[in-house]
Amino acid sequence: MSEPSIFTRILTGDIPGEILLETERIFAIRDINPQAPLHVLIIPKTEDYRDVTELAAGDPELLAEMVTVAQRLADEHANGEYRLIFNKGASAAQSVFHVHAHVLGNFEENKLVGF
C-alpha cells in the first residue's frame, strides 16, 4: 500500500493546514506557495484519481462538485471571479499526484499570473 498523499495527511491532521471548506467528498485549503492573492486548492477526499482526466472518466459528478466548490469559494473571497487550474503530469507542473484544482482570484486588473 502506498503512503497517503500530503493532502490526505493534511485532512487527517498529520500535517497542519488551514481547511477553509469541507463537504462530504471534498475539502479546500490555502496553497502554501500562493500565486495570487486568493490561491486555494480544492481536493477530493479520495485518492482514487491521480489527475483531472482520471477523475473526469471515473467520477464526473465529483469533478462537477469541485467546480461548484470553486464558485462558492470565489463568491466568498473573490467577488465571484476566479481562475480554475488543473495540472496534469509532471511536465505540466503537477507535483502531487492526488487530483486537485487551484482556485486563483483577486488579481489586480490586467495583471494575471502566467498566461
PDB file of N, CA and C in Angstrom:
ATOM      1  N   MET A   1       0.843  -1.174   0.000  1.00  0.00           N
ATOM      2  CA  MET A   1       0.000   0.000   0.000  1.00  0.00           C
ATOM      3  C   MET A   1       0.892   1.242   0.000  1.00  0.00           C
ATOM      4  N   SER A   2       0.511   2.237  -0.788  1.00  0.00           N
ATOM      5  CA  SER A   2       1.331   3.442  -0.885  1.00  0.00           C
ATOM      6  C   SER A   2       1.053   4.392   0.271  1.00  0.00           C
ATOM      7  N   GLU A   3       1.985   5.286   0.459  1.00  0.00           N
ATOM      8  CA  GLU A   3       1.856   6.308   1.503  1.00  0.00           C
ATOM      9  C   GLU A   3       0.690   7.239   1.173  1.00  0.00           C
ATOM     10  N   PRO A   4       0.003   7.756   2.175  1.00  0.00           N
ATOM     11  CA  PRO A   4      -1.035   8.753   1.910  1.00  0.00           C
ATOM     12  C   PRO A   4      -0.411  10.018   1.315  1.00  0.00           C
ATOM     13  N   SER A   5      -1.154  10.667   0.438  1.00  0.00           N
ATOM     14  CA  SER A   5      -0.655  11.913  -0.157  1.00  0.00           C
ATOM     15  C   SER A   5      -0.568  12.999   0.916  1.00  0.00           C
ATOM     16  N   ILE A   6       0.164  14.044   0.605  1.00  0.00           N
ATOM     17  CA  ILE A   6       0.263  15.179   1.527  1.00  0.00           C
ATOM     18  C   ILE A   6      -1.127  15.744   1.814  1.00  0.00           C
ATOM     19  N   PHE A   7      -2.018  15.710   0.819  1.00  0.00           N
ATOM     20  CA  PHE A   7      -3.363  16.243   1.031  1.00  0.00           C
ATOM     21  C   PHE A   7      -4.143  15.392   2.030  1.00  0.00           C
ATOM     22  N   THR A   8      -4.037  14.088   1.911  1.00  0.00           N
ATOM     23  CA  THR A   8      -4.704  13.206   2.868  1.00  0.00           C
ATOM     24  C   THR A   8      -4.124  13.418   4.258  1.00  0.00           C
ATOM     25  N   ARG A   9      -2.836  13.625   4.338  1.00  0.00           N
ATOM     26  CA  ARG A   9      -2.198  13.854   5.637  1.00  0.00           C
ATOM     27  C   ARG A   9      -2.648  15.174   6.257  1.00  0.00           C
ATOM     28  N   ILE A  10      -2.914  16.185   5.434  1.00  0.00           N
ATOM     29  CA  ILE A  10      -3.478  17.438   5.951  1.00  0.00           C
ATOM     30  C   ILE A  10      -4.897  17.190   6.447  1.00  0.00           C
ATOM     31  N   LEU A  11      -5.690  16.477   5.660  1.00  0.00           N
ATOM     32  CA  LEU A  11      -7.072  16.194   6.033  1.00  0.00           C
ATOM     33  C   LEU A  11      -7.163  15.440   7.356  1.00  0.00           C
ATOM     34  N   THR A  12      -6.256  14.496   7.586  1.00  0.00           N
ATOM     35  CA  THR A  12      -6.293  13.701   8.816  1.00  0.00           C
ATOM     36  C   THR A  12      -5.616  14.398   9.996  1.00  0.00           C
ATOM     37  N   GLY A  13      -4.990  15.549   9.736  1.00  0.00           N
ATOM     38  CA  GLY A  13      -4.347  16.294  10.817  1.00  0.00           C
ATOM     39  C   GLY A  13      -2.910  15.914  11.060  1.00  0.00           C
ATOM     40  N   ASP A  14      -2.346  15.025  10.249  1.00  0.00           N
ATOM     41  CA  ASP A  14      -0.935  14.647  10.407  1.00  0.00           C
ATOM     42  C   ASP A  14       0.005  15.792  10.037  1.00  0.00           C
ATOM     43  N   ILE A  15      -0.449  16.660   9.136  1.00  0.00           N
ATOM     44  CA  ILE A  15       0.308  17.836   8.712  1.00  0.00           C
ATOM     45  C   ILE A  15      -0.632  19.027   8.889  1.00  0.00           C
ATOM     46  N   PRO A  16      -0.137  20.138   9.428  1.00  0.00           N
ATOM     47  CA  PRO A  16      -1.025  21.293   9.596  1.00  0.00           C
ATOM     48  C   PRO A  16      -1.436  21.888   8.254  1.00  0.00           C
ATOM     49  N   GLY A  17      -2.631  22.381   8.219  1.00  0.00           N
ATOM     50  CA  GLY A  17      -3.159  23.051   7.033  1.00  0.00           C
ATOM     51  C   GLY A  17      -4.454  23.745   7.393  1.00  0.00           C
ATOM     52  N   GLU A  18      -4.701  24.865   6.757  1.00  0.00           N
ATOM     53  CA  GLU A  18      -5.910  25.635   7.015  1.00  0.00           C
ATOM     54  C   GLU A  18      -7.027  25.153   6.089  1.00  0.00           C
ATOM     55  N   ILE A  19      -7.942  24.368   6.631  1.00  0.00           N
ATOM     56  CA  ILE A  19      -9.071  23.900   5.837  1.00  0.00           C
ATOM     57  C   ILE A  19     -10.128  24.998   5.841  1.00  0.00           C
ATOM     58  N   LEU A  20     -10.400  25.535   4.652  1.00  0.00           N
ATOM     59  CA  LEU A  20     -11.348  26.634   4.505  1.00  0.00           C
ATOM     60  C   LEU A  20     -12.784  26.153   4.338  1.00  0.00           C
ATOM     61  N   LEU A  21     -12.939  24.982   3.759  1.00  0.00           N
ATOM     62  CA  LEU A  21     -14.261  24.466   3.451  1.00  0.00           C
ATOM     63  C   LEU A  21     -14.158  22.951   3.381  1.00  0.00           C
ATOM     64  N   GLU A  22     -15.196  22.279   3.840  1.00  0.00           N
ATOM     65  CA  GLU A  22     -15.208  20.822   3.780  1.00  0.00           C
ATOM     66  C   GLU A  22     -16.631  20.360   3.514  1.00  0.00           C
ATOM     67  N   THR A  23     -16.764  19.429   2.569  1.00  0.00           N
ATOM     68  CA  THR A  23     -18.030  18.764   2.301  1.00  0.00           C
ATOM     69  C   THR A  23     -17.818  17.277   2.566  1.00  0.00           C
ATOM     70  N   GLU A  24     -18.798  16.488   2.265  1.00  0.00           N
ATOM     71  CA  GLU A  24     -18.669  15.045   2.459  1.00  0.00           C
ATOM     72  C   GLU A  24     -17.549  14.456   1.611  1.00  0.00           C
ATOM     73  N   ARG A  25     -17.318  15.018   0.402  1.00  0.00           N
ATOM     74  CA  ARG A  25     -16.380  14.419  -0.541  1.00  0.00           C
ATOM     75  C   ARG A  25     -15.168  15.276  -0.884  1.00  0.00           C
ATOM     76  N   ILE A  26     -15.170  16.546  -0.440  1.00  0.00           N
ATOM     77  CA  ILE A  26     -14.141  17.498  -0.865  1.00  0.00           C
ATOM     78  C   ILE A  26     -13.708  18.357   0.321  1.00  0.00           C
ATOM     79  N   PHE A  27     -12.459  18.831   0.262  1.00  0.00           N
ATOM     80  CA  PHE A  27     -12.040  19.871   1.194  1.00  0.00           C
ATOM     81  C   PHE A  27     -11.191  20.881   0.430  1.00  0.00           C
ATOM     82  N   ALA A  28     -11.065  22.074   0.998  1.00  0.00           N
ATOM     83  CA  ALA A  28     -10.305  23.140   0.357  1.00  0.00           C
ATOM     84  C   ALA A  28      -9.347  23.743   1.378  1.00  0.00           C
ATOM     85  N   ILE A  29      -8.106  23.981   0.927  1.00  0.00           N
ATOM     86  CA  ILE A  29      -7.069  24.552   1.773  1.00  0.00           C
ATOM     87  C   ILE A  29      -6.374  25.699   1.046  1.00  0.00           C
ATOM     88  N   ARG A  30      -5.752  26.577   1.805  1.00  0.00           N
ATOM     89  CA  ARG A  30      -4.918  27.618   1.198  1.00  0.00           C
ATOM     90  C   ARG A  30      -3.632  26.982   0.674  1.00  0.00           C
ATOM     91  N   ASP A  31      -3.193  27.446  -0.474  1.00  0.00           N
ATOM     92  CA  ASP A  31      -1.927  26.978  -1.035  1.00  0.00           C
ATOM     93  C   ASP A  31      -0.777  27.564  -0.219  1.00  0.00           C
ATOM     94  N   ILE A  32       0.238  26.758   0.070  1.00  0.00           N
ATOM     95  CA  ILE A  32       1.365  27.247   0.877  1.00  0.00           C
ATOM     96  C   ILE A  32       2.322  28.115   0.065  1.00  0.00           C
ATOM     97  N   ASN A  33       2.176  28.109  -1.256  1.00  0.00           N
ATOM     98  CA  ASN A  33       3.004  28.938  -2.134  1.00  0.00           C
ATOM     99  C   ASN A  33       2.070  29.696  -3.083  1.00  0.00           C
ATOM    100  N   PRO A  34       1.327  30.664  -2.557  1.00  0.00           N
ATOM    101  CA  PRO A  34       0.283  31.306  -3.363  1.00  0.00           C
ATOM    102  C   PRO A  34       0.829  32.047  -4.580  1.00  0.00           C
ATOM    103  N   GLN A  35       0.112  31.897  -5.693  1.00  0.00           N
ATOM    104  CA  GLN A  35       0.454  32.565  -6.941  1.00  0.00           C
ATOM    105  C   GLN A  35      -0.500  33.719  -7.246  1.00  0.00           C
ATOM    106  N   ALA A  36      -1.407  33.999  -6.313  1.00  0.00           N
ATOM    107  CA  ALA A  36      -2.384  35.074  -6.447  1.00  0.00           C
ATOM    108  C   ALA A  36      -2.845  35.441  -5.046  1.00  0.00           C
ATOM    109  N   PRO A  37      -3.467  36.612  -4.886  1.00  0.00           N
ATOM    110  CA  PRO A  37      -3.972  36.972  -3.553  1.00  0.00           C
ATOM    111  C   PRO A  37      -4.904  35.907  -2.966  1.00  0.00           C
ATOM    112  N   LEU A  38      -5.737  35.309  -3.799  1.00  0.00           N
ATOM    113  CA  LEU A  38      -6.516  34.138  -3.382  1.00  0.00           C
ATOM    114  C   LEU A  38      -5.954  32.947  -4.136  1.00  0.00           C
ATOM    115  N   HIS A  39      -5.460  31.958  -3.414  1.00  0.00           N
ATOM    116  CA  HIS A  39      -4.971  30.719  -4.031  1.00  0.00           C
ATOM    117  C   HIS A  39      -5.345  29.572  -3.102  1.00  0.00           C
ATOM    118  N   VAL A  40      -6.385  28.873  -3.505  1.00  0.00           N
ATOM    119  CA  VAL A  40      -6.947  27.777  -2.711  1.00  0.00           C
ATOM    120  C   VAL A  40      -6.882  26.503  -3.534  1.00  0.00           C
ATOM    121  N   LEU A  41      -6.632  25.395  -2.871  1.00  0.00           N
ATOM    122  CA  LEU A  41      -6.664  24.085  -3.514  1.00  0.00           C
ATOM    123  C   LEU A  41      -7.963  23.386  -3.139  1.00  0.00           C
ATOM    124  N   ILE A  42      -8.637  22.834  -4.134  1.00  0.00           N
ATOM    125  CA  ILE A  42      -9.837  22.036  -3.910  1.00  0.00           C
ATOM    126  C   ILE A  42      -9.440  20.587  -4.163  1.00  0.00           C
ATOM    127  N   ILE A  43      -9.691  19.739  -3.166  1.00  0.00           N
ATOM    128  CA  ILE A  43      -9.141  18.383  -3.189  1.00  0.00           C
ATOM    129  C   ILE A  43     -10.227  17.373  -2.843  1.00  0.00           C
ATOM    130  N   PRO A  44     -10.420  16.365  -3.683  1.00  0.00           N
ATOM    131  CA  PRO A  44     -11.305  15.270  -3.278  1.00  0.00           C
ATOM    132  C   PRO A  44     -10.689  14.509  -2.109  1.00  0.00           C
ATOM    133  N   LYS A  45     -11.533  14.016  -1.236  1.00  0.00           N
ATOM    134  CA  LYS A  45     -11.029  13.241  -0.103  1.00  0.00           C
ATOM    135  C   LYS A  45     -10.485  11.889  -0.541  1.00  0.00           C
ATOM    136  N   THR A  46     -10.947  11.376  -1.659  1.00  0.00           N
ATOM    137  CA  THR A  46     -10.462  10.104  -2.168  1.00  0.00           C
ATOM    138  C   THR A  46      -9.136  10.282  -2.901  1.00  0.00           C
ATOM    139  N   GLU A  47      -8.285   9.301  -2.782  1.00  0.00           N
ATOM    140  CA  GLU A  47      -7.018   9.282  -3.519  1.00  0.00           C
ATOM    141  C   GLU A  47      -7.124   8.409  -4.767  1.00  0.00           C
ATOM    142  N   ASP A  48      -8.331   8.079  -5.189  1.00  0.00           N
ATOM    143  CA  ASP A  48      -8.536   7.171  -6.318  1.00  0.00           C
ATOM    144  C   ASP A  48      -8.112   7.743  -7.662  1.00  0.00           C
ATOM    145  N   TYR A  49      -7.965   9.061  -7.762  1.00  0.00           N
ATOM    146  CA  TYR A  49      -7.686   9.700  -9.046  1.00  0.00           C
ATOM    147  C   TYR A  49      -6.412  10.531  -8.948  1.00  0.00           C
ATOM    148  N   ARG A  50      -5.481  10.240  -9.855  1.00  0.00           N
ATOM    149  CA  ARG A  50      -4.196  10.959  -9.863  1.00  0.00           C
ATOM    150  C   ARG A  50      -4.314  12.337 -10.489  1.00  0.00           C
ATOM    151  N   ASP A  51      -5.205  12.488 -11.467  1.00  0.00           N
ATOM    152  CA  ASP A  51      -5.297  13.755 -12.187  1.00  0.00           C
ATOM    153  C   ASP A  51      -6.718  13.976 -12.683  1.00  0.00           C
ATOM    154  N   VAL A  52      -6.946  15.138 -13.279  1.00  0.00           N
ATOM    155  CA  VAL A  52      -8.292  15.536 -13.682  1.00  0.00           C
ATOM    156  C   VAL A  52      -8.866  14.632 -14.767  1.00  0.00           C
ATOM    157  N   THR A  53      -8.029  14.091 -15.641  1.00  0.00           N
ATOM    158  CA  THR A  53      -8.524  13.209 -16.686  1.00  0.00           C
ATOM    159  C   THR A  53      -9.079  11.917 -16.095  1.00  0.00           C
ATOM    160  N   GLU A  54      -8.356  11.352 -15.135  1.00  0.00           N
ATOM    161  CA  GLU A  54      -8.856  10.155 -14.447  1.00  0.00           C
ATOM    162  C   GLU A  54     -10.152  10.466 -13.698  1.00  0.00           C
ATOM    163  N   LEU A  55     -10.212  11.618 -13.053  1.00  0.00           N
ATOM    164  CA  LEU A  55     -11.410  11.999 -12.314  1.00  0.00           C
ATOM    165  C   LEU A  55     -12.598  12.172 -13.248  1.00  0.00           C
ATOM    166  N   ALA A  56     -12.403  12.843 -14.355  1.00  0.00           N
ATOM    167  CA  ALA A  56     -13.498  13.072 -15.305  1.00  0.00           C
ATOM    168  C   ALA A  56     -14.050  11.753 -15.834  1.00  0.00           C
ATOM    169  N   ALA A  57     -13.180  10.787 -16.090  1.00  0.00           N
ATOM    170  CA  ALA A  57     -13.619   9.486 -16.583  1.00  0.00           C
ATOM    171  C   ALA A  57     -14.270   8.651 -15.484  1.00  0.00           C
ATOM    172  N   GLY A  58     -13.738   8.751 -14.267  1.00  0.00           N
ATOM    173  CA  GLY A  58     -14.177   7.875 -13.192  1.00  0.00           C
ATOM    174  C   GLY A  58     -15.325   8.395 -12.348  1.00  0.00           C
ATOM    175  N   ASP A  59     -15.421   9.715 -12.191  1.00  0.00           N
ATOM    176  CA  ASP A  59     -16.458  10.276 -11.324  1.00  0.00           C
ATOM    177  C   ASP A  59     -16.763  11.717 -11.746  1.00  0.00           C
ATOM    178  N   PRO A  60     -17.442  11.887 -12.880  1.00  0.00           N
ATOM    179  CA  PRO A  60     -17.719  13.246 -13.357  1.00  0.00           C
ATOM    180  C   PRO A  60     -18.542  14.078 -12.372  1.00  0.00           C
ATOM    181  N   GLU A  61     -19.346  13.430 -11.546  1.00  0.00           N
ATOM    182  CA  GLU A  61     -20.117  14.177 -10.548  1.00  0.00           C
ATOM    183  C   GLU A  61     -19.198  14.815  -9.508  1.00  0.00           C
ATOM    184  N   LEU A  62     -18.142  14.128  -9.138  1.00  0.00           N
ATOM    185  CA  LEU A  62     -17.177  14.688  -8.197  1.00  0.00           C
ATOM    186  C   LEU A  62     -16.440  15.869  -8.827  1.00  0.00           C
ATOM    187  N   LEU A  63     -16.110  15.760 -10.091  1.00  0.00           N
ATOM    188  CA  LEU A  63     -15.486  16.879 -10.800  1.00  0.00           C
ATOM    189  C   LEU A  63     -16.430  18.082 -10.818  1.00  0.00           C
ATOM    190  N   ALA A  64     -17.701  17.845 -11.097  1.00  0.00           N
ATOM    191  CA  ALA A  64     -18.683  18.939 -11.087  1.00  0.00           C
ATOM    192  C   ALA A  64     -18.794  19.559  -9.703  1.00  0.00           C
ATOM    193  N   GLU A  65     -18.722  18.741  -8.668  1.00  0.00           N
ATOM    194  CA  GLU A  65     -18.775  19.269  -7.297  1.00  0.00           C
ATOM    195  C   GLU A  65     -17.563  20.150  -7.012  1.00  0.00           C
ATOM    196  N   MET A  66     -16.399  19.777  -7.552  1.00  0.00           N
ATOM    197  CA  MET A  66     -15.208  20.605  -7.359  1.00  0.00           C
ATOM    198  C   MET A  66     -15.402  21.987  -7.985  1.00  0.00           C
ATOM    199  N   VAL A  67     -16.021  22.031  -9.165  1.00  0.00           N
ATOM    200  CA  VAL A  67     -16.277  23.311  -9.826  1.00  0.00           C
ATOM    201  C   VAL A  67     -17.282  24.128  -9.019  1.00  0.00           C
ATOM    202  N   THR A  68     -18.291  23.481  -8.476  1.00  0.00           N
ATOM    203  CA  THR A  68     -19.274  24.165  -7.629  1.00  0.00           C
ATOM    204  C   THR A  68     -18.604  24.755  -6.393  1.00  0.00           C
ATOM    205  N   VAL A  69     -17.702  24.011  -5.788  1.00  0.00           N
ATOM    206  CA  VAL A  69     -16.976  24.496  -4.614  1.00  0.00           C
ATOM    207  C   VAL A  69     -16.071  25.665  -5.013  1.00  0.00           C
ATOM    208  N   ALA A  70     -15.465  25.605  -6.191  1.00  0.00           N
ATOM    209  CA  ALA A  70     -14.645  26.725  -6.669  1.00  0.00           C
ATOM    210  C   ALA A  70     -15.472  28.000  -6.747  1.00  0.00           C
ATOM    211  N   GLN A  71     -16.681  27.891  -7.283  1.00  0.00           N
ATOM    212  CA  GLN A  71     -17.542  29.071  -7.376  1.00  0.00           C
ATOM    213  C   GLN A  71     -17.921  29.575  -5.994  1.00  0.00           C
ATOM    214  N   ARG A  72     -18.223  28.662  -5.094  1.00  0.00           N
ATOM    215  CA  ARG A  72     -18.586  29.056  -3.720  1.00  0.00           C
ATOM    216  C   ARG A  72     -17.443  29.812  -3.049  1.00  0.00           C
ATOM    217  N   LEU A  73     -16.226  29.312  -3.193  1.00  0.00           N
ATOM    218  CA  LEU A  73     -15.064  29.986  -2.612  1.00  0.00           C
ATOM    219  C   LEU A  73     -14.840  31.352  -3.263  1.00  0.00           C
ATOM    220  N   ALA A  74     -15.004  31.412  -4.574  1.00  0.00           N
ATOM    221  CA  ALA A  74     -14.846  32.684  -5.272  1.00  0.00           C
ATOM    222  C   ALA A  74     -15.925  33.676  -4.843  1.00  0.00           C
ATOM    223  N   ASP A  75     -17.134  33.196  -4.644  1.00  0.00           N
ATOM    224  CA  ASP A  75     -18.201  34.079  -4.163  1.00  0.00           C
ATOM    225  C   ASP A  75     -17.852  34.653  -2.797  1.00  0.00           C
ATOM    226  N   GLU A  76     -17.255  33.840  -1.948  1.00  0.00           N
ATOM    227  CA  GLU A  76     -16.921  34.268  -0.587  1.00  0.00           C
ATOM    228  C   GLU A  76     -15.661  35.122  -0.506  1.00  0.00           C
ATOM    229  N   HIS A  77     -14.711  34.890  -1.411  1.00  0.00           N
ATOM    230  CA  HIS A  77     -13.393  35.505  -1.259  1.00  0.00           C
ATOM    231  C   HIS A  77     -12.915  36.341  -2.441  1.00  0.00           C
ATOM    232  N   ALA A  78     -13.637  36.321  -3.577  1.00  0.00           N
ATOM    233  CA  ALA A  78     -13.093  36.983  -4.770  1.00  0.00           C
ATOM    234  C   ALA A  78     -14.185  37.567  -5.668  1.00  0.00           C
ATOM    235  N   ASN A  79     -15.230  38.093  -5.086  1.00  0.00           N
ATOM    236  CA  ASN A  79     -16.302  38.719  -5.866  1.00  0.00           C
ATOM    237  C   ASN A  79     -16.856  37.813  -6.967  1.00  0.00           C
ATOM    238  N   GLY A  80     -16.765  36.507  -6.764  1.00  0.00           N
ATOM    239  CA  GLY A  80     -17.334  35.550  -7.702  1.00  0.00           C
ATOM    240  C   GLY A  80     -16.499  35.273  -8.932  1.00  0.00           C
ATOM    241  N   GLU A  81     -15.339  35.888  -9.043  1.00  0.00           N
ATOM    242  CA  GLU A  81     -14.493  35.705 -10.225  1.00  0.00           C
ATOM    243  C   GLU A  81     -13.241  34.913  -9.848  1.00  0.00           C
ATOM    244  N   TYR A  82     -12.829  34.025 -10.739  1.00  0.00           N
ATOM    245  CA  TYR A  82     -11.689  33.170 -10.409  1.00  0.00           C
ATOM    246  C   TYR A  82     -11.127  32.495 -11.650  1.00  0.00           C
ATOM    247  N   ARG A  83      -9.939  31.960 -11.476  1.00  0.00           N
ATOM    248  CA  ARG A  83      -9.307  31.057 -12.422  1.00  0.00           C
ATOM    249  C   ARG A  83      -9.323  29.675 -11.802  1.00  0.00           C
ATOM    250  N   LEU A  84      -9.607  28.665 -12.589  1.00  0.00           N
ATOM    251  CA  LEU A  84      -9.591  27.287 -12.108  1.00  0.00           C
ATOM    252  C   LEU A  84      -8.568  26.524 -12.933  1.00  0.00           C
ATOM    253  N   ILE A  85      -7.566  25.961 -12.260  1.00  0.00           N
ATOM    254  CA  ILE A  85      -6.457  25.312 -12.955  1.00  0.00           C
ATOM    255  C   ILE A  85      -6.270  23.896 -12.420  1.00  0.00           C
ATOM    256  N   PHE A  86      -6.159  22.956 -13.344  1.00  0.00           N
ATOM    257  CA  PHE A  86      -5.762  21.591 -13.030  1.00  0.00           C
ATOM    258  C   PHE A  86      -4.449  21.343 -13.770  1.00  0.00           C
ATOM    259  N   ASN A  87      -3.435  20.850 -13.080  1.00  0.00           N
ATOM    260  CA  ASN A  87      -2.195  20.437 -13.718  1.00  0.00           C
ATOM    261  C   ASN A  87      -2.255  18.927 -13.907  1.00  0.00           C
ATOM    262  N   LYS A  88      -1.834  18.450 -15.094  1.00  0.00           N
ATOM    263  CA  LYS A  88      -1.831  17.013 -15.379  1.00  0.00           C
ATOM    264  C   LYS A  88      -0.449  16.610 -15.849  1.00  0.00           C
ATOM    265  N   GLY A  89       0.273  15.945 -14.989  1.00  0.00           N
ATOM    266  CA  GLY A  89       1.593  15.445 -15.333  1.00  0.00           C
ATOM    267  C   GLY A  89       2.717  16.333 -14.815  1.00  0.00           C
ATOM    268  N   ALA A  90       3.843  15.704 -14.581  1.00  0.00           N
ATOM    269  CA  ALA A  90       4.995  16.405 -14.020  1.00  0.00           C
ATOM    270  C   ALA A  90       5.470  17.546 -14.911  1.00  0.00           C
ATOM    271  N   SER A  91       5.449  17.349 -16.218  1.00  0.00           N
ATOM    272  CA  SER A  91       5.921  18.412 -17.113  1.00  0.00           C
ATOM    273  C   SER A  91       4.925  19.567 -17.227  1.00  0.00           C
ATOM    274  N   ALA A  92       3.735  19.390 -16.645  1.00  0.00           N
ATOM    275  CA  ALA A  92       2.736  20.461 -16.594  1.00  0.00           C
ATOM    276  C   ALA A  92       2.644  21.039 -15.180  1.00  0.00           C
ATOM    277  N   ALA A  93       3.657  20.793 -14.375  1.00  0.00           N
ATOM    278  CA  ALA A  93       3.796  21.338 -13.021  1.00  0.00           C
ATOM    279  C   ALA A  93       2.950  20.623 -11.976  1.00  0.00           C
ATOM    280  N   GLN A  94       2.468  19.415 -12.260  1.00  0.00           N
ATOM    281  CA  GLN A  94       1.779  18.652 -11.212  1.00  0.00           C
ATOM    282  C   GLN A  94       2.840  18.025 -10.323  1.00  0.00           C
ATOM    283  N   SER A  95       2.806  18.355  -9.038  1.00  0.00           N
ATOM    284  CA  SER A  95       3.807  17.822  -8.120  1.00  0.00           C
ATOM    285  C   SER A  95       3.212  16.849  -7.112  1.00  0.00           C
ATOM    286  N   VAL A  96       1.897  16.897  -6.918  1.00  0.00           N
ATOM    287  CA  VAL A  96       1.207  15.945  -6.046  1.00  0.00           C
ATOM    288  C   VAL A  96       0.221  15.190  -6.913  1.00  0.00           C
ATOM    289  N   PHE A  97       0.356  13.869  -6.963  1.00  0.00           N
ATOM    290  CA  PHE A  97      -0.469  13.058  -7.854  1.00  0.00           C
ATOM    291  C   PHE A  97      -1.691  12.511  -7.130  1.00  0.00           C
ATOM    292  N   HIS A  98      -2.421  13.444  -6.575  1.00  0.00           N
ATOM    293  CA  HIS A  98      -3.744  13.275  -5.961  1.00  0.00           C
ATOM    294  C   HIS A  98      -4.507  14.452  -6.566  1.00  0.00           C
ATOM    295  N   VAL A  99      -5.471  14.161  -7.432  1.00  0.00           N
ATOM    296  CA  VAL A  99      -6.117  15.233  -8.198  1.00  0.00           C
ATOM    297  C   VAL A  99      -6.518  16.398  -7.299  1.00  0.00           C
ATOM    298  N   HIS A 100      -6.295  17.606  -7.800  1.00  0.00           N
ATOM    299  CA  HIS A 100      -6.673  18.823  -7.078  1.00  0.00           C
ATOM    300  C   HIS A 100      -6.764  19.967  -8.073  1.00  0.00           C
ATOM    301  N   ALA A 101      -7.554  20.955  -7.709  1.00  0.00           N
ATOM    302  CA  ALA A 101      -7.726  22.141  -8.543  1.00  0.00           C
ATOM    303  C   ALA A 101      -7.211  23.351  -7.793  1.00  0.00           C
ATOM    304  N   HIS A 102      -6.623  24.268  -8.543  1.00  0.00           N
ATOM    305  CA  HIS A 102      -6.171  25.535  -7.993  1.00  0.00           C
ATOM    306  C   HIS A 102      -7.221  26.591  -8.325  1.00  0.00           C
ATOM    307  N   VAL A 103      -7.697  27.288  -7.302  1.00  0.00           N
ATOM    308  CA  VAL A 103      -8.606  28.415  -7.490  1.00  0.00           C
ATOM    309  C   VAL A 103      -7.802  29.669  -7.207  1.00  0.00           C
ATOM    310  N   LEU A 104      -7.664  30.517  -8.210  1.00  0.00           N
ATOM    311  CA  LEU A 104      -6.910  31.757  -8.063  1.00  0.00           C
ATOM    312  C   LEU A 104      -7.839  32.932  -8.325  1.00  0.00           C
ATOM    313  N   GLY A 105      -7.681  33.974  -7.530  1.00  0.00           N
ATOM    314  CA  GLY A 105      -8.523  35.143  -7.707  1.00  0.00           C
ATOM    315  C   GLY A 105      -7.944  36.377  -7.057  1.00  0.00           C
ATOM    316  N   ASN A 106      -8.692  37.454  -7.196  1.00  0.00           N
ATOM    317  CA  ASN A 106      -8.333  38.766  -6.652  1.00  0.00           C
ATOM    318  C   ASN A 106      -7.082  39.346  -7.295  1.00  0.00           C
ATOM    319  N   PHE A 107      -6.904  39.089  -8.588  1.00  0.00           N
ATOM    320  CA  PHE A 107      -5.797  39.689  -9.326  1.00  0.00           C
ATOM    321  C   PHE A 107      -6.073  41.176  -9.500  1.00  0.00           C
ATOM    322  N   GLU A 108      -5.018  41.939  -9.578  1.00  0.00           N
ATOM    323  CA  GLU A 108      -5.183  43.330  -9.973  1.00  0.00           C
ATOM    324  C   GLU A 108      -5.579  43.327 -11.440  1.00  0.00           C
ATOM    325  N   GLU A 109      -6.399  44.278 -11.831  1.00  0.00           N
ATOM    326  CA  GLU A 109      -6.870  44.327 -13.216  1.00  0.00           C
ATOM    327  C   GLU A 109      -5.695  44.286 -14.183  1.00  0.00           C
ATOM    328  N   ASN A 110      -5.796  43.400 -15.163  1.00  0.00           N
ATOM    329  CA  ASN A 110      -4.792  43.232 -16.234  1.00  0.00           C
ATOM    330  C   ASN A 110      -3.422  42.797 -15.716  1.00  0.00           C
ATOM    331  N   LYS A 111      -3.371  42.208 -14.533  1.00  0.00           N
ATOM    332  CA  LYS A 111      -2.091  41.718 -14.010  1.00  0.00           C
ATOM    333  C   LYS A 111      -2.249  40.256 -13.582  1.00  0.00           C
ATOM    334  N   LEU A 112      -2.546  39.403 -14.555  1.00  0.00           N
ATOM    335  CA  LEU A 112      -2.708  37.991 -14.273  1.00  0.00           C
ATOM    336  C   LEU A 112      -1.354  37.309 -14.184  1.00  0.00           C
ATOM    337  N   VAL A 113      -1.293  36.288 -13.360  1.00  0.00           N
ATOM    338  CA  VAL A 113      -0.095  35.461 -13.238  1.00  0.00           C
ATOM    339  C   VAL A 113      -0.122  34.463 -14.389  1.00  0.00           C
ATOM    340  N   GLY A 114       0.995  34.204 -14.987  1.00  0.00           N
ATOM    341  CA  GLY A 114       1.052  33.194 -16.045  1.00  0.00           C
ATOM    342  C   GLY A 114       0.478  33.706 -17.342  1.00  0.00           C
ATOM    343  N   PHE A 115      -0.264  32.848 -18.038  1.00  0.00           N
ATOM    344  CA  PHE A 115      -0.788  33.209 -19.361  1.00  0.00           C
ATOM    345  C   PHE A 115      -2.219  33.658 -19.294  1.00  0.00           C
TER     346      PHE A 115
END
